[in-house]
Every structure is written in C-alpha cells, then in structure tokens.
C-alpha atoms as a PDB file:
ATOM      1  CA  MET A   1      32.270  37.908 142.658  1.00  0.00           C
ATOM      2  CA  ALA A   2      31.678  40.023 146.238  1.00  0.00           C
ATOM      3  CA  ILE A   3      32.931  43.357 146.997  1.00  0.00           C
ATOM      4  CA  SER A   4      34.472  44.421 150.043  1.00  0.00           C
ATOM      5  CA  ASN A   5      33.076  47.462 151.948  1.00  0.00           C
ATOM      6  CA  ARG A   6      35.590  48.039 153.481  1.00  0.00           C
ATOM      7  CA  SER A   7      36.684  51.599 153.373  1.00  0.00           C
ATOM      8  CA  PRO A   8      40.261  52.229 152.969  1.00  0.00           C
ATOM      9  CA  THR A   9      43.077  52.101 155.018  1.00  0.00           C
ATOM     10  CA  GLY A  10      45.002  55.171 156.157  1.00  0.00           C
ATOM     11  CA  PRO A  11      48.315  53.719 154.892  1.00  0.00           C
ATOM     12  CA  GLN A  12      46.596  52.985 151.804  1.00  0.00           C
ATOM     13  CA  ILE A  13      44.960  56.674 151.380  1.00  0.00           C
ATOM     14  CA  PHE A  14      48.441  57.615 152.037  1.00  0.00           C
ATOM     15  CA  ALA A  15      50.309  55.553 148.954  1.00  0.00           C
ATOM     16  CA  ALA A  16      47.842  56.783 146.604  1.00  0.00           C
ATOM     17  CA  LEU A  17      48.668  59.698 147.318  1.00  0.00           C
ATOM     18  CA  ALA A  18      51.838  59.677 146.300  1.00  0.00           C
ATOM     19  CA  THR A  19      51.973  57.708 143.852  1.00  0.00           C
ATOM     20  CA  PHE A  20      49.371  60.472 141.965  1.00  0.00           C
ATOM     21  CA  VAL A  21      51.606  62.931 143.256  1.00  0.00           C
ATOM     22  CA  LEU A  22      54.617  61.408 141.771  1.00  0.00           C
ATOM     23  CA  LEU A  23      52.559  60.596 138.504  1.00  0.00           C
ATOM     24  CA  ALA A  24      51.969  64.500 138.107  1.00  0.00           C
ATOM     25  CA  GLY A  25      54.770  65.561 138.977  1.00  0.00           C
ATOM     26  CA  CYS A  26      56.229  63.621 135.910  1.00  0.00           C
ATOM     27  CA  ALA A  27      53.134  64.616 133.789  1.00  0.00           C
ATOM     28  CA  ALA A  28      54.453  68.479 134.054  1.00  0.00           C
ATOM     29  CA  ALA A  29      58.438  68.133 134.183  1.00  0.00           C
ATOM     30  CA  PRO A  30      60.186  69.063 130.852  1.00  0.00           C
ATOM     31  CA  PRO A  31      61.750  66.885 128.869  1.00  0.00           C
ATOM     32  CA  ALA A  32      66.040  66.442 130.046  1.00  0.00           C
ATOM     33  CA  THR A  33      67.886  69.113 127.956  1.00  0.00           C
ATOM     34  CA  PRO A  34      70.819  66.776 127.324  1.00  0.00           C
ATOM     35  CA  ALA A  35      73.931  68.445 127.536  1.00  0.00           C
ATOM     36  CA  PRO A  36      76.023  70.010 125.761  1.00  0.00           C
ATOM     37  CA  THR A  37      78.864  67.830 123.735  1.00  0.00           C
ATOM     38  CA  ALA A  38      80.926  70.818 122.870  1.00  0.00           C
ATOM     39  CA  PRO A  39      81.289  73.830 124.544  1.00  0.00           C
ATOM     40  CA  PRO A  40      79.621  77.021 122.366  1.00  0.00           C
ATOM     41  CA  ALA A  41      82.113  78.311 119.513  1.00  0.00           C
ATOM     42  CA  THR A  42      83.162  81.357 119.372  1.00  0.00           C
ATOM     43  CA  LYS A  43      84.949  83.807 117.590  1.00  0.00           C
ATOM     44  CA  PRO A  44      88.212  84.654 118.239  1.00  0.00           C
ATOM     45  CA  ALA A  45      89.500  88.000 120.639  1.00  0.00           C
ATOM     46  CA  VAL A  46      90.812  90.620 118.634  1.00  0.00           C
ATOM     47  CA  SER A  47      94.721  91.408 120.308  1.00  0.00           C
ATOM     48  CA  ALA A  48      94.910  94.330 122.097  1.00  0.00           C
ATOM     49  CA  ALA A  49      97.596  96.222 123.565  1.00  0.00           C
ATOM     50  CA  PRO A  50      98.031  95.315 127.245  1.00  0.00           C
ATOM     51  CA  THR A  51      96.883  97.668 129.982  1.00  0.00           C
ATOM     52  CA  PRO A  52      99.663  99.820 130.949  1.00  0.00           C
ATOM     53  CA  THR A  53      99.624  97.642 134.475  1.00  0.00           C
ATOM     54  CA  SER A  54     100.693  94.741 133.351  1.00  0.00           C
ATOM     55  CA  ILE A  55     104.038  96.054 131.939  1.00  0.00           C
ATOM     56  CA  VAL A  56     105.555  98.040 134.137  1.00  0.00           C
ATOM     57  CA  ALA A  57     109.322  98.557 134.317  1.00  0.00           C
ATOM     58  CA  GLY A  58     111.031  98.630 137.144  1.00  0.00           C
ATOM     59  CA  PRO A  59     114.139 100.005 138.087  1.00  0.00           C
ATOM     60  CA  ASN A  60     116.835  98.971 135.818  1.00  0.00           C
ATOM     61  CA  GLU A  61     114.346  97.547 133.224  1.00  0.00           C
ATOM     62  CA  MET A  62     112.465  98.940 130.162  1.00  0.00           C
ATOM     63  CA  ILE A  63     109.996  98.447 127.804  1.00  0.00           C
ATOM     64  CA  LEU A  64     110.003  97.646 124.152  1.00  0.00           C
ATOM     65  CA  SER A  65     107.023  96.891 122.092  1.00  0.00           C
ATOM     66  CA  THR A  66     107.751  95.627 119.135  1.00  0.00           C
ATOM     67  CA  THR A  67     105.472  93.321 116.112  1.00  0.00           C
ATOM     68  CA  THR A  68     105.028  89.751 116.620  1.00  0.00           C
ATOM     69  CA  SER A  69     107.622  88.778 113.879  1.00  0.00           C
ATOM     70  CA  THR A  70     110.593  89.797 116.001  1.00  0.00           C
ATOM     71  CA  ASN A  71     109.280  87.398 118.926  1.00  0.00           C
ATOM     72  CA  ASP A  72     108.007  84.345 116.940  1.00  0.00           C
ATOM     73  CA  THR A  73     110.848  83.568 114.967  1.00  0.00           C
ATOM     74  CA  GLY A  74     113.982  83.502 118.433  1.00  0.00           C
ATOM     75  CA  LEU A  75     115.411  86.527 116.849  1.00  0.00           C
ATOM     76  CA  LEU A  76     115.085  88.933 120.455  1.00  0.00           C
ATOM     77  CA  ALA A  77     115.933  85.413 122.045  1.00  0.00           C
ATOM     78  CA  ALA A  78     119.193  85.609 120.463  1.00  0.00           C
ATOM     79  CA  LEU A  79     119.762  88.991 120.322  1.00  0.00           C
ATOM     80  CA  LEU A  80     118.602  90.359 123.852  1.00  0.00           C
ATOM     81  CA  PRO A  81     120.997  89.217 126.244  1.00  0.00           C
ATOM     82  CA  ASP A  82     123.752  90.882 124.501  1.00  0.00           C
ATOM     83  CA  PHE A  83     122.167  93.765 125.261  1.00  0.00           C
ATOM     84  CA  GLU A  84     121.162  92.688 129.124  1.00  0.00           C
ATOM     85  CA  ALA A  85     124.943  92.195 129.312  1.00  0.00           C
ATOM     86  CA  LYS A  86     126.648  94.957 127.654  1.00  0.00           C
ATOM     87  CA  ASN A  87     124.104  97.899 129.551  1.00  0.00           C
ATOM     88  CA  GLY A  88     122.536  96.231 132.489  1.00  0.00           C
ATOM     89  CA  ILE A  89     119.223  96.398 131.588  1.00  0.00           C
ATOM     90  CA  LYS A  90     116.706  93.797 131.332  1.00  0.00           C
ATOM     91  CA  VAL A  91     114.272  94.657 128.018  1.00  0.00           C
ATOM     92  CA  LYS A  92     110.847  93.933 129.240  1.00  0.00           C
ATOM     93  CA  VAL A  93     109.390  92.619 125.232  1.00  0.00           C
ATOM     94  CA  VAL A  94     105.737  93.111 124.456  1.00  0.00           C
ATOM     95  CA  ALA A  95     105.873  91.553 121.052  1.00  0.00           C
ATOM     96  CA  VAL A  96     101.946  92.657 119.521  1.00  0.00           C
ATOM     97  CA  GLY A  97     100.784  94.075 115.893  1.00  0.00           C
ATOM     98  CA  THR A  98     102.724  96.697 115.400  1.00  0.00           C
ATOM     99  CA  GLY A  99      99.194  98.970 115.951  1.00  0.00           C
ATOM    100  CA  ALA A 100      99.797  97.900 118.986  1.00  0.00           C
ATOM    101  CA  ALA A 101     103.358  98.357 119.450  1.00  0.00           C
ATOM    102  CA  LEU A 102     102.781 101.708 118.682  1.00  0.00           C
ATOM    103  CA  LYS A 103      99.164 102.505 120.334  1.00  0.00           C
ATOM    104  CA  LEU A 104     101.799 101.526 123.703  1.00  0.00           C
ATOM    105  CA  GLY A 105     104.206 104.092 122.356  1.00  0.00           C
ATOM    106  CA  GLU A 106     101.456 106.960 121.328  1.00  0.00           C
ATOM    107  CA  ASP A 107     100.493 106.427 124.832  1.00  0.00           C
ATOM    108  CA  GLY A 108     103.784 106.332 126.718  1.00  0.00           C
ATOM    109  CA  ASN A 109     103.326 102.912 128.285  1.00  0.00           C
ATOM    110  CA  ALA A 110     106.980 101.868 126.149  1.00  0.00           C
ATOM    111  CA  ASP A 111     110.003 103.370 125.692  1.00  0.00           C
ATOM    112  CA  VAL A 112     111.141 102.329 122.690  1.00  0.00           C
ATOM    113  CA  VAL A 113     109.322 100.447 119.537  1.00  0.00           C
ATOM    114  CA  LEU A 114     110.671  98.166 117.229  1.00  0.00           C
ATOM    115  CA  VAL A 115     107.935  97.582 114.236  1.00  0.00           C
ATOM    116  CA  HIS A 116     107.299  97.227 110.613  1.00  0.00           C
ATOM    117  CA  ALA A 117     104.749  99.517 108.759  1.00  0.00           C
ATOM    118  CA  ARG A 118     106.813 102.356 107.280  1.00  0.00           C
ATOM    119  CA  ALA A 119     103.209 104.614 107.343  1.00  0.00           C
ATOM    120  CA  GLN A 120     102.937 104.676 110.606  1.00  0.00           C
ATOM    121  CA  GLU A 121     106.191 104.579 111.623  1.00  0.00           C
ATOM    122  CA  ASP A 122     106.336 107.933 109.973  1.00  0.00           C
ATOM    123  CA  ALA A 123     103.270 109.126 110.391  1.00  0.00           C
ATOM    124  CA  PHE A 124     104.331 108.280 114.386  1.00  0.00           C
ATOM    125  CA  VAL A 125     107.344 110.195 114.262  1.00  0.00           C
ATOM    126  CA  ALA A 126     105.293 113.292 112.804  1.00  0.00           C
ATOM    127  CA  ALA A 127     102.446 113.544 115.481  1.00  0.00           C
ATOM    128  CA  GLY A 128     105.307 113.961 118.213  1.00  0.00           C
ATOM    129  CA  PHE A 129     105.427 110.497 119.371  1.00  0.00           C
ATOM    130  CA  GLY A 130     108.382 109.391 118.523  1.00  0.00           C
ATOM    131  CA  ILE A 131     111.895 110.204 117.920  1.00  0.00           C
ATOM    132  CA  ASN A 132     114.768 109.458 115.804  1.00  0.00           C
ATOM    133  CA  ARG A 133     113.755 106.488 113.623  1.00  0.00           C
ATOM    134  CA  ARG A 134     116.315 104.226 111.937  1.00  0.00           C
ATOM    135  CA  ASP A 135     116.396 101.598 109.694  1.00  0.00           C
ATOM    136  CA  VAL A 136     117.471  97.970 110.964  1.00  0.00           C
ATOM    137  CA  MET A 137     116.433  95.865 108.595  1.00  0.00           C
ATOM    138  CA  TYR A 138     114.380  93.726 106.396  1.00  0.00           C
ATOM    139  CA  ASN A 139     113.165  90.660 104.831  1.00  0.00           C
ATOM    140  CA  ASP A 140     109.478  89.819 102.767  1.00  0.00           C
ATOM    141  CA  PHE A 141     105.936  89.111 102.783  1.00  0.00           C
ATOM    142  CA  ILE A 142     105.162  85.728 101.156  1.00  0.00           C
ATOM    143  CA  LEU A 143     101.897  84.569  99.836  1.00  0.00           C
ATOM    144  CA  VAL A 144     100.643  80.581 101.399  1.00  0.00           C
ATOM    145  CA  GLY A 145      97.897  78.434 101.009  1.00  0.00           C
ATOM    146  CA  PRO A 146      97.428  75.007 100.595  1.00  0.00           C
ATOM    147  CA  ALA A 147      99.345  72.556  98.747  1.00  0.00           C
ATOM    148  CA  GLU A 148      96.265  71.498  96.872  1.00  0.00           C
ATOM    149  CA  ASP A 149      95.873  75.557  95.967  1.00  0.00           C
ATOM    150  CA  PRO A 150      92.479  76.061  94.269  1.00  0.00           C
ATOM    151  CA  ALA A 151      93.004  79.209  92.993  1.00  0.00           C
ATOM    152  CA  LYS A 152      96.221  77.932  90.829  1.00  0.00           C
ATOM    153  CA  VAL A 153      98.240  81.120  91.703  1.00  0.00           C
ATOM    154  CA  ALA A 154     101.688  78.558  92.556  1.00  0.00           C
ATOM    155  CA  GLY A 155     104.021  80.367  90.329  1.00  0.00           C
ATOM    156  CA  LEU A 156     102.741  83.744  89.891  1.00  0.00           C
ATOM    157  CA  THR A 157     105.205  86.290  90.532  1.00  0.00           C
ATOM    158  CA  SER A 158     102.542  89.500  91.313  1.00  0.00           C
ATOM    159  CA  VAL A 159     100.600  89.330  94.131  1.00  0.00           C
ATOM    160  CA  ALA A 160      98.175  91.059  93.210  1.00  0.00           C
ATOM    161  CA  ASP A 161      97.620  88.178  89.781  1.00  0.00           C
ATOM    162  CA  ALA A 162      96.928  86.108  93.090  1.00  0.00           C
ATOM    163  CA  LEU A 163      94.645  87.569  94.876  1.00  0.00           C
ATOM    164  CA  LYS A 164      92.651  88.998  92.093  1.00  0.00           C
ATOM    165  CA  LYS A 165      92.090  84.424  91.272  1.00  0.00           C
ATOM    166  CA  ILE A 166      91.604  83.843  95.355  1.00  0.00           C
ATOM    167  CA  ALA A 167      89.007  86.702  95.215  1.00  0.00           C
ATOM    168  CA  ALA A 168      87.702  85.223  92.316  1.00  0.00           C
ATOM    169  CA  ALA A 169      87.624  81.723  92.813  1.00  0.00           C
ATOM    170  CA  GLY A 170      86.192  81.931  96.482  1.00  0.00           C
ATOM    171  CA  ALA A 171      88.858  80.327  98.063  1.00  0.00           C
ATOM    172  CA  PRO A 172      89.544  80.982 101.561  1.00  0.00           C
ATOM    173  CA  PHE A 173      91.781  83.831 102.377  1.00  0.00           C
ATOM    174  CA  ILE A 174      92.712  83.703 106.613  1.00  0.00           C
ATOM    175  CA  SER A 175      93.776  87.493 107.468  1.00  0.00           C
ATOM    176  CA  ARG A 176      95.964  88.255 110.462  1.00  0.00           C
ATOM    177  CA  GLY A 177      93.069  91.384 110.926  1.00  0.00           C
ATOM    178  CA  ASP A 178      94.811  93.060 113.886  1.00  0.00           C
ATOM    179  CA  LYS A 179      96.048  96.365 112.590  1.00  0.00           C
ATOM    180  CA  SER A 180      99.908  94.756 113.029  1.00  0.00           C
ATOM    181  CA  GLY A 181     102.219  95.385 109.632  1.00  0.00           C
ATOM    182  CA  THR A 182     101.703  92.464 107.934  1.00  0.00           C
ATOM    183  CA  ASN A 183      97.194  92.932 108.012  1.00  0.00           C
ATOM    184  CA  THR A 184      98.438  97.095 107.016  1.00  0.00           C
ATOM    185  CA  LYS A 185     100.462  95.195 104.034  1.00  0.00           C
ATOM    186  CA  GLU A 186      97.660  92.809 103.542  1.00  0.00           C
ATOM    187  CA  LEU A 187      95.188  95.795 103.258  1.00  0.00           C
ATOM    188  CA  GLU A 188      97.563  97.509 100.956  1.00  0.00           C
ATOM    189  CA  LEU A 189      97.553  94.977  98.393  1.00  0.00           C
ATOM    190  CA  TRP A 190      94.001  94.281  98.514  1.00  0.00           C
ATOM    191  CA  LYS A 191      93.565  98.009  97.352  1.00  0.00           C
ATOM    192  CA  ALA A 192      96.300  97.969  94.796  1.00  0.00           C
ATOM    193  CA  ALA A 193      94.447  94.862  93.568  1.00  0.00           C
ATOM    194  CA  GLY A 194      91.096  96.315  92.845  1.00  0.00           C
ATOM    195  CA  ILE A 195      89.881  94.015  95.320  1.00  0.00           C
ATOM    196  CA  GLU A 196      87.024  94.739  98.189  1.00  0.00           C
ATOM    197  CA  ALA A 197      88.555  92.093 100.938  1.00  0.00           C
ATOM    198  CA  ALA A 198      85.233  91.085 102.519  1.00  0.00           C
ATOM    199  CA  GLY A 199      82.645  87.970 101.718  1.00  0.00           C
ATOM    200  CA  PRO A 200      82.067  84.570 102.926  1.00  0.00           C
ATOM    201  CA  TRP A 201      85.810  83.742 101.834  1.00  0.00           C
ATOM    202  CA  TYR A 202      87.549  86.293 103.800  1.00  0.00           C
ATOM    203  CA  ASN A 203      88.198  86.023 107.752  1.00  0.00           C
ATOM    204  CA  ALA A 204      89.638  88.157 109.778  1.00  0.00           C
ATOM    205  CA  ILE A 205      90.706  86.802 112.546  1.00  0.00           C
ATOM    206  CA  GLY A 206      92.273  89.264 114.849  1.00  0.00           C
ATOM    207  CA  GLN A 207      95.314  86.854 115.651  1.00  0.00           C
ATOM    208  CA  GLY A 208      99.633  86.910 115.014  1.00  0.00           C
ATOM    209  CA  MET A 209     100.981  85.980 112.917  1.00  0.00           C
ATOM    210  CA  GLY A 210     102.322  82.350 114.361  1.00  0.00           C
ATOM    211  CA  GLN A 211      97.582  81.425 115.420  1.00  0.00           C
ATOM    212  CA  THR A 212      97.067  83.312 111.823  1.00  0.00           C
ATOM    213  CA  LEU A 213      99.409  80.367 109.750  1.00  0.00           C
ATOM    214  CA  THR A 214      98.562  77.457 112.548  1.00  0.00           C
ATOM    215  CA  PHE A 215      94.534  78.706 111.302  1.00  0.00           C
ATOM    216  CA  ALA A 216      95.237  79.011 107.275  1.00  0.00           C
ATOM    217  CA  ASN A 217      96.913  75.262 107.957  1.00  0.00           C
ATOM    218  CA  GLU A 218      93.721  73.709 109.162  1.00  0.00           C
ATOM    219  CA  ARG A 219      91.686  75.483 107.426  1.00  0.00           C
ATOM    220  CA  GLY A 220      92.711  75.063 104.006  1.00  0.00           C
ATOM    221  CA  GLY A 221      93.363  78.759 103.643  1.00  0.00           C
ATOM    222  CA  TYR A 222      95.750  81.477 101.879  1.00  0.00           C
ATOM    223  CA  THR A 223      97.471  83.768 104.400  1.00  0.00           C
ATOM    224  CA  LEU A 224     100.164  86.944 103.739  1.00  0.00           C
ATOM    225  CA  THR A 225     103.017  86.257 105.805  1.00  0.00           C
ATOM    226  CA  ASP A 226     106.660  87.685 106.252  1.00  0.00           C
ATOM    227  CA  ARG A 227     109.041  85.226 105.872  1.00  0.00           C
ATOM    228  CA  GLY A 228     110.588  84.284 108.629  1.00  0.00           C
ATOM    229  CA  THR A 229     107.972  83.438 110.905  1.00  0.00           C
ATOM    230  CA  TRP A 230     106.818  81.106 108.045  1.00  0.00           C
ATOM    231  CA  LEU A 231     110.950  79.971 108.005  1.00  0.00           C
ATOM    232  CA  ALA A 232     110.669  79.539 111.833  1.00  0.00           C
ATOM    233  CA  GLN A 233     107.389  77.913 112.192  1.00  0.00           C
ATOM    234  CA  ALA A 234     106.595  75.970 108.082  1.00  0.00           C
ATOM    235  CA  SER A 235     108.062  72.361 110.072  1.00  0.00           C
ATOM    236  CA  LYS A 236     104.792  72.113 111.730  1.00  0.00           C
ATOM    237  CA  LEU A 237     102.696  73.843 109.303  1.00  0.00           C
ATOM    238  CA  LYS A 238     102.114  69.930 106.658  1.00  0.00           C
ATOM    239  CA  PHE A 239      99.340  71.552 104.977  1.00  0.00           C
ATOM    240  CA  LEU A 240     100.986  74.894 103.895  1.00  0.00           C
ATOM    241  CA  LYS A 241     103.470  75.725 101.203  1.00  0.00           C
ATOM    242  CA  VAL A 242     104.594  78.968  99.717  1.00  0.00           C
ATOM    243  CA  LEU A 243     102.753  79.729  96.378  1.00  0.00           C
ATOM    244  CA  VAL A 244     103.714  83.283  95.676  1.00  0.00           C
ATOM    245  CA  GLY A 245     107.413  84.686  96.215  1.00  0.00           C
ATOM    246  CA  GLY A 246     109.643  81.775  95.619  1.00  0.00           C
ATOM    247  CA  ASP A 247     111.744  80.059  98.671  1.00  0.00           C
ATOM    248  CA  SER A 248     114.267  83.007  99.167  1.00  0.00           C
ATOM    249  CA  ILE A 249     114.254  87.055  99.061  1.00  0.00           C
ATOM    250  CA  ALA A 250     116.269  86.646  96.158  1.00  0.00           C
ATOM    251  CA  GLN A 251     113.262  84.703  94.205  1.00  0.00           C
ATOM    252  CA  ASN A 252     110.574  87.299  94.680  1.00  0.00           C
ATOM    253  CA  LYS A 253     109.862  89.034  92.047  1.00  0.00           C
ATOM    254  CA  ASP A 254     107.253  91.439  93.343  1.00  0.00           C
ATOM    255  CA  LYS A 255     108.696  94.433  95.519  1.00  0.00           C
ATOM    256  CA  ALA A 256     105.202  95.183  96.985  1.00  0.00           C
ATOM    257  CA  LEU A 257     106.496  92.741  98.911  1.00  0.00           C
ATOM    258  CA  LEU A 258     108.959  93.790 100.915  1.00  0.00           C
ATOM    259  CA  ASN A 259     109.215  94.400 104.567  1.00  0.00           C
ATOM    260  CA  PRO A 260     111.643  96.722 105.966  1.00  0.00           C
ATOM    261  CA  TYR A 261     111.548  97.540 109.962  1.00  0.00           C
ATOM    262  CA  GLY A 262     112.214 100.599 112.177  1.00  0.00           C
ATOM    263  CA  VAL A 263     113.199 101.224 115.591  1.00  0.00           C
ATOM    264  CA  ILE A 264     111.959 104.170 117.264  1.00  0.00           C
ATOM    265  CA  GLN A 265     112.321 105.991 120.665  1.00  0.00           C
ATOM    266  CA  VAL A 266     109.430 107.225 122.562  1.00  0.00           C
ATOM    267  CA  ASN A 267     109.639 111.196 123.041  1.00  0.00           C
ATOM    268  CA  PRO A 268     110.271 111.540 126.136  1.00  0.00           C
ATOM    269  CA  ALA A 269     109.374 115.128 125.550  1.00  0.00           C
ATOM    270  CA  ARG A 270     105.941 114.731 125.615  1.00  0.00           C
ATOM    271  CA  TYR A 271     106.479 111.797 128.653  1.00  0.00           C
ATOM    272  CA  PRO A 272     109.107 113.263 130.905  1.00  0.00           C
ATOM    273  CA  SER A 273     108.564 108.880 132.192  1.00  0.00           C
ATOM    274  CA  VAL A 274     110.415 107.383 129.863  1.00  0.00           C
ATOM    275  CA  LYS A 275     113.929 105.668 130.357  1.00  0.00           C
ATOM    276  CA  ALA A 276     115.310 107.739 127.510  1.00  0.00           C
ATOM    277  CA  LYS A 277     118.330 106.697 128.342  1.00  0.00           C
ATOM    278  CA  TYR A 278     117.900 103.214 127.628  1.00  0.00           C
ATOM    279  CA  ALA A 279     115.978 103.564 125.111  1.00  0.00           C
ATOM    280  CA  GLU A 280     118.390 105.453 123.130  1.00  0.00           C
ATOM    281  CA  ALA A 281     121.244 102.775 124.194  1.00  0.00           C
ATOM    282  CA  PHE A 282     118.880 100.324 122.435  1.00  0.00           C
ATOM    283  CA  SER A 283     118.357 101.829 119.096  1.00  0.00           C
ATOM    284  CA  ALA A 284     121.980 101.979 119.088  1.00  0.00           C
ATOM    285  CA  TRP A 285     123.066  98.795 120.102  1.00  0.00           C
ATOM    286  CA  ILE A 286     120.357  97.242 117.861  1.00  0.00           C
ATOM    287  CA  THR A 287     121.467  99.338 114.441  1.00  0.00           C
ATOM    288  CA  SER A 288     125.376  99.488 115.542  1.00  0.00           C
ATOM    289  CA  LEU A 289     127.809  96.782 112.873  1.00  0.00           C
ATOM    290  CA  GLU A 290     128.101  93.963 115.592  1.00  0.00           C
ATOM    291  CA  THR A 291     124.314  93.301 116.361  1.00  0.00           C
ATOM    292  CA  GLN A 292     123.159  93.412 111.799  1.00  0.00           C
ATOM    293  CA  GLU A 293     126.283  91.068 111.939  1.00  0.00           C
ATOM    294  CA  LYS A 294     124.238  89.293 114.464  1.00  0.00           C
ATOM    295  CA  ILE A 295     121.069  89.570 112.516  1.00  0.00           C
ATOM    296  CA  ALA A 296     122.805  88.883 109.156  1.00  0.00           C
ATOM    297  CA  ALA A 297     123.583  85.616 110.371  1.00  0.00           C
ATOM    298  CA  PHE A 298     120.489  84.651 112.255  1.00  0.00           C
ATOM    299  CA  GLY A 299     119.024  81.796 110.258  1.00  0.00           C
ATOM    300  CA  GLN A 300     121.418  80.696 108.218  1.00  0.00           C
ATOM    301  CA  SER A 301     122.310  77.543 109.750  1.00  0.00           C
ATOM    302  CA  GLN A 302     119.449  75.918 110.153  1.00  0.00           C
ATOM    303  CA  TYR A 303     117.477  77.421 107.036  1.00  0.00           C
ATOM    304  CA  GLY A 304     120.060  77.485 104.574  1.00  0.00           C
ATOM    305  CA  GLN A 305     118.893  81.392 104.617  1.00  0.00           C
ATOM    306  CA  PRO A 306     118.715  84.511 107.140  1.00  0.00           C
ATOM    307  CA  LEU A 307     114.815  85.041 108.903  1.00  0.00           C
ATOM    308  CA  PHE A 308     115.909  88.873 108.636  1.00  0.00           C
ATOM    309  CA  TYR A 309     118.733  91.049 107.012  1.00  0.00           C
ATOM    310  CA  ALA A 310     120.393  93.717 108.217  1.00  0.00           C
ATOM    311  CA  ASP A 311     119.840  97.288 106.384  1.00  0.00           C
ATOM    312  CA  SER A 312     121.190  99.998 109.631  1.00  0.00           C
ATOM    313  CA  GLU A 313     123.151 103.362 108.222  1.00  0.00           C
ATOM    314  CA  ALA A 314     126.310 101.515 110.355  1.00  0.00           C
ATOM    315  CA  TRP A 315     125.352  97.894 108.585  1.00  0.00           C
ATOM    316  CA  ARG A 316     125.461  99.650 104.669  1.00  0.00           C
ATOM    317  CA  LYS A 317     128.289 101.881 104.801  1.00  0.00           C
ATOM    318  CA  ALA A 318     130.353  98.810 105.817  1.00  0.00           C
ATOM    319  CA  HIS A 319     128.702  96.841 103.023  1.00  0.00           C
ATOM    320  CA  PRO A 320     128.256  99.040  99.969  1.00  0.00           C
END
C-alpha cells in the first residue's frame, strides 16, 4: 500500500484542530444538572403584624386590629356596613392572630382591638396600652381531625384526655403556632394535660385558622379550631370531622373550651395620635343591644346555629 508523502494542507490542519478542541471541551465539561421538577420546600412564614405604613388610616377612617376568626367567618363583613353608615367612619380591618392584634395596639398602630385571649387582654389593659375592655361575644373551641381518627379520640368529653391519646399515638397535630388566641388556648390545654407539645408529630405552621384547617385536611392531622371558623369552612374540609366538642356549643361538655371575645380601646393618654372618639363609638356600637342581636343571629339560617353568642352587658341585661 502506497503511503503519500504529501504534507497536510491548511484546511486539513484547521479541521483537525477544531475536532481536537471540540472533543477536549466535551471531555472537560461537567455533566449537566437536571432541572428541578419542583421548587424546594420551604417552611411557612410565621404570621406577623403588618408594618404601620401598610395600615395608615386617612380622614374619617379608623383601624381595627382583630383576630382572624372574626374575619374568616364573615362576621365583620356582615356587621361593619351598619357602623360605617351610621357614623360616617370607614373601618380598616387588620385580621391577624390575637398576639399580633394586641401588638398593633401596644405600638399605637390601631385604634381599637377585638380579640379572644382574656389573660392577654387583661395584661394589655394593666400595662396601660388599652382602656375600657368590654365583653362582646363568645363561641367555643373544638377538636377536629381525620375521619379515620387514628388516635381514637372521637366522643371523648375531655379535650385533655384527647390530647393525651394524640400524643401517645404520635398522630399528627397541626398547631397554628402564631401566638393567636387559639394558639394560646391550645398551649394552655397541652400544659393542663401534662403533655409537652413537641416531636415529629407536632407541626406548628405559623398560619391563621383557615390555613391551618386546610393544612390539617390535606395532611390528615388533628387541630384545635374555634367553632365559628369551622362552620364557615367545613364544606371545604372533606377529610376532617368534629371529634371533641359536639356539633353545637350546647353539646360541648368541656368548659375549658369556651372562647370569649372582648373589645378594647387603645389608650389615647399613651398614644395621642389614636382616634379615641372613633374607637369609643365602635366599642359602644358593637356592644349595643342592636348589634348584639345581629351577632346572635349571624349564621343561624345557614348553619342552624349562630357562629357567635352575644355576651355584652346590654345583651345580658336584656336576656337575663
């Protein structure tokens, strides 16, 4: 076989070099990383009070900081138009957990608060942040959980007994974990039951009541909820049922589950910028017999029971 003595041409040299560079580049390149199929999981953010700049009230406006249950149930949407029409005052509602609602008052960033954690309310007034606390209404707490009830708590009349069984079974419990009135009550109940709420079965998600119920529904967990929010959202929670507390407040045998609400005016002596007259008008209105009758009727036609029970001094005098 004859071997050519010809030297490679310029184009042949260029082609060889190009091939070498291409092969070297392929060999040096790291393997491609596959694109993620889903964003990485993150822990839910803990609920926090809005910044003051996000809730500035203009002329003829006031700020009501309140718990999520008064908003999630639709109660405020049903009641407030009457107050606004009668007083010419627009109410800007900030619905957060009770702890965050009171913090807004402590910082002078709300005019009036409507919450449900009596010990925290009394401390708020005692510290000089609020004045003139008045009873408004009450409902109750209930324990809901998966229909299959792995901890076997259905029908128990004591929530403490139910919590003991949930912890012993290591069944998932979903806590709001947001320093709300409901979260405060839940932690009190664990303490009263002598149980440390900790471990892989205990999930504090830092969310409001509606989101917590949705999470429990999706994860097959137990949770503590106020009855009003449960009634308003139960149709969307197909995998949960009431396990402790009965189908109405009359059936709830555990007095530890009662849930009173109070209204407190933010102290104008401490915070001269608050709209004291507006707050006073709101407190007088929501505790008046006329508004109390609306609270007592709210939810009755739709759910066969009220979502809240009127409890102001004016109501109690009219209904001894």
